[in-house]
């Protein structure tokens, strides 16, 4: 699930990843600012792993990304979506084997339909990690 506002620059990194990520073993959902509208797809498919990617202000260098625990999500969320992500994760907890939230530190959040070039490179790295399921390489916040 790629989450974020694709009209606010780097806040759209989750959407960018969802639009560009293709792998036969994954369903990629560009959820924008309303991830709750996609819960029926998750509940129907019952994935082994559910990965949610969103821009998050974690006080890190631009482009750094981390696995964020459910308890810390509200502290780092940029909050451009309708429902708090912690509520979404709790709601979907019985529909997926494991839920991972990957937060990405944005460079800039401004009116723009493009994420920065730096974050596009980070998005490629995240997509590679997902494709190869190298989740243990992602640091935890």
Protein backbone atom coordinates (compact mmCIF):
# COMPACT_ATOMS: atom_id res chain seq x y z
CA UNK A 1 0.00 0.00 0.00
CA UNK A 2 1.50 3.28 -1.13
CA UNK A 3 0.08 6.13 0.93
CA UNK A 4 0.46 9.89 0.61
CA UNK A 5 -0.50 13.01 -1.26
CA UNK A 6 1.02 12.94 -4.74
CA UNK A 7 0.30 16.69 -5.09
CA UNK A 8 2.66 17.54 -2.20
CA UNK A 9 6.09 16.61 -3.55
CA UNK A 10 7.90 13.99 -1.49
CA UNK A 11 4.74 13.20 0.48
CA UNK A 12 3.84 11.20 -2.63
CA UNK A 13 6.70 8.70 -2.31
CA UNK A 14 4.37 5.90 -1.21
CA UNK A 15 2.15 6.55 -4.23
CA UNK A 16 5.20 6.73 -6.51
CA UNK A 17 6.40 3.33 -5.29
CA UNK A 18 2.92 1.80 -5.66
CA UNK A 19 2.62 3.10 -9.24
CA UNK A 20 6.05 1.84 -10.28
CA UNK A 21 6.42 -1.40 -8.33
CA UNK A 22 5.67 -4.54 -10.30
CA UNK A 23 6.32 -8.09 -9.16
CA UNK A 24 4.36 -11.29 -9.78
CA UNK A 25 4.36 -12.07 -6.05
CA UNK A 26 2.93 -8.72 -4.95
CA UNK A 27 -0.24 -6.68 -5.31
CA UNK A 28 0.63 -3.01 -5.42
CA UNK A 29 -2.01 -0.47 -4.36
CA UNK A 30 -1.71 3.27 -4.86
CA UNK A 31 -3.95 4.37 -1.98
CA UNK A 32 -3.28 8.10 -2.06
CA UNK A 33 -4.79 9.89 0.91
CA UNK A 34 -7.55 7.33 1.49
CA UNK A 35 -5.95 3.95 2.27
CA UNK A 36 -9.12 2.93 4.11
CA UNK A 37 -10.84 2.68 0.72
CA UNK A 38 -8.58 -0.29 -0.12
CA UNK A 39 -9.17 -2.41 2.97
CA UNK A 40 -11.61 -4.74 1.19
CA UNK A 41 -8.82 -5.77 -1.22
CA UNK A 42 -6.54 -6.59 1.71
CA UNK A 43 -9.24 -8.45 3.60
CA UNK A 44 -10.15 -10.46 0.48
CA UNK A 45 -6.53 -11.41 -0.39
CA UNK A 46 -5.24 -11.98 3.17
CA UNK A 47 -1.56 -11.39 2.32
CA UNK A 48 1.28 -13.02 4.23
CA UNK A 49 2.91 -9.57 4.40
CA UNK A 50 1.27 -6.20 4.10
CA UNK A 51 3.70 -3.35 3.53
CA UNK A 52 2.58 0.26 3.87
CA UNK A 53 4.94 2.97 2.59
CA UNK A 54 4.46 6.64 3.42
CA UNK A 55 6.51 9.81 3.88
CA UNK A 56 7.23 10.30 7.57
CA UNK A 57 8.95 13.03 9.53
CA UNK A 58 11.31 11.00 11.67
CA UNK A 59 14.01 13.63 12.15
CA UNK A 60 16.39 11.71 9.87
CA UNK A 61 18.37 12.73 6.79
CA UNK A 62 16.30 13.08 3.64
CA UNK A 63 15.67 9.75 1.98
CA UNK A 64 16.43 7.61 5.01
CA UNK A 65 13.76 5.02 5.63
CA UNK A 66 12.84 2.89 8.60
CA UNK A 67 10.39 0.27 9.72
CA UNK A 68 8.18 2.13 12.17
CA UNK A 69 6.28 0.28 14.89
CA UNK A 70 2.54 0.86 15.20
CA UNK A 71 3.10 2.69 18.51
CA UNK A 72 5.40 5.26 16.87
CA UNK A 73 3.45 5.91 13.67
CA UNK A 74 1.38 8.79 15.04
CA UNK A 75 4.59 10.52 16.18
CA UNK A 76 6.10 10.48 12.66
CA UNK A 77 3.06 10.68 10.40
CA UNK A 78 2.76 13.72 8.14
CA UNK A 79 -0.99 13.13 8.32
CA UNK A 80 -2.27 13.96 4.85
CA UNK A 81 -4.65 10.99 4.94
CA UNK A 82 -8.17 10.75 6.25
CA UNK A 83 -7.69 7.98 8.83
CA UNK A 84 -4.71 7.68 11.20
CA UNK A 85 -2.47 4.89 9.92
CA UNK A 86 -2.36 3.26 13.35
CA UNK A 87 -6.15 2.77 13.13
CA UNK A 88 -5.79 1.32 9.64
CA UNK A 89 -3.11 -1.12 10.78
CA UNK A 90 -5.17 -2.17 13.77
CA UNK A 91 -8.22 -2.69 11.54
CA UNK A 92 -6.23 -4.85 9.10
CA UNK A 93 -4.30 -6.80 11.75
CA UNK A 94 -6.49 -9.91 11.36
CA UNK A 95 -6.32 -9.76 7.55
CA UNK A 96 -2.57 -10.03 7.03
CA UNK A 97 0.12 -12.30 8.45
CA UNK A 98 2.55 -9.46 9.15
CA UNK A 99 2.13 -5.72 8.66
CA UNK A 100 5.18 -3.52 8.08
CA UNK A 101 5.06 0.25 7.94
CA UNK A 102 8.01 1.78 6.10
CA UNK A 103 8.45 5.50 6.72
CA UNK A 104 10.58 7.57 4.35
CA UNK A 105 12.04 10.90 5.44
CA UNK A 106 11.01 13.47 2.80
CA UNK A 107 13.29 16.17 1.46
CA UNK A 108 10.47 18.62 0.91
CA UNK A 109 6.71 18.74 1.21
CA UNK A 110 5.42 21.42 -1.12
CA UNK A 111 2.90 21.89 -3.91
CA UNK A 112 4.36 19.70 -6.64
CA UNK A 113 3.25 16.62 -8.54
CA UNK A 114 6.81 15.24 -8.57
CA UNK A 115 8.90 13.73 -5.83
CA UNK A 116 12.51 14.91 -5.74
CA UNK A 117 15.17 13.08 -7.73
CA UNK A 118 16.86 12.04 -4.48
CA UNK A 119 13.71 10.31 -3.29
CA UNK A 120 13.16 8.63 -6.66
CA UNK A 121 16.53 6.90 -6.12
CA UNK A 122 15.45 5.87 -2.62
CA UNK A 123 12.16 4.57 -4.06
CA UNK A 124 14.14 2.35 -6.44
CA UNK A 125 16.10 0.99 -3.49
CA UNK A 126 12.93 0.30 -1.50
CA UNK A 127 11.35 -1.47 -4.49
CA UNK A 128 14.45 -3.68 -4.76
CA UNK A 129 14.23 -4.54 -1.05
CA UNK A 130 10.55 -5.43 -1.47
CA UNK A 131 11.11 -7.51 -4.60
CA UNK A 132 13.86 -9.52 -2.91
CA UNK A 133 12.13 -9.51 0.51
CA UNK A 134 15.24 -8.21 2.28
CA UNK A 135 13.26 -6.63 5.11
CA UNK A 136 15.99 -7.40 7.63
CA UNK A 137 18.14 -4.75 5.86
CA UNK A 138 15.75 -1.99 6.90
CA UNK A 139 16.62 -0.38 10.21
CA UNK A 140 13.91 0.08 12.81
CA UNK A 141 13.04 3.47 14.19
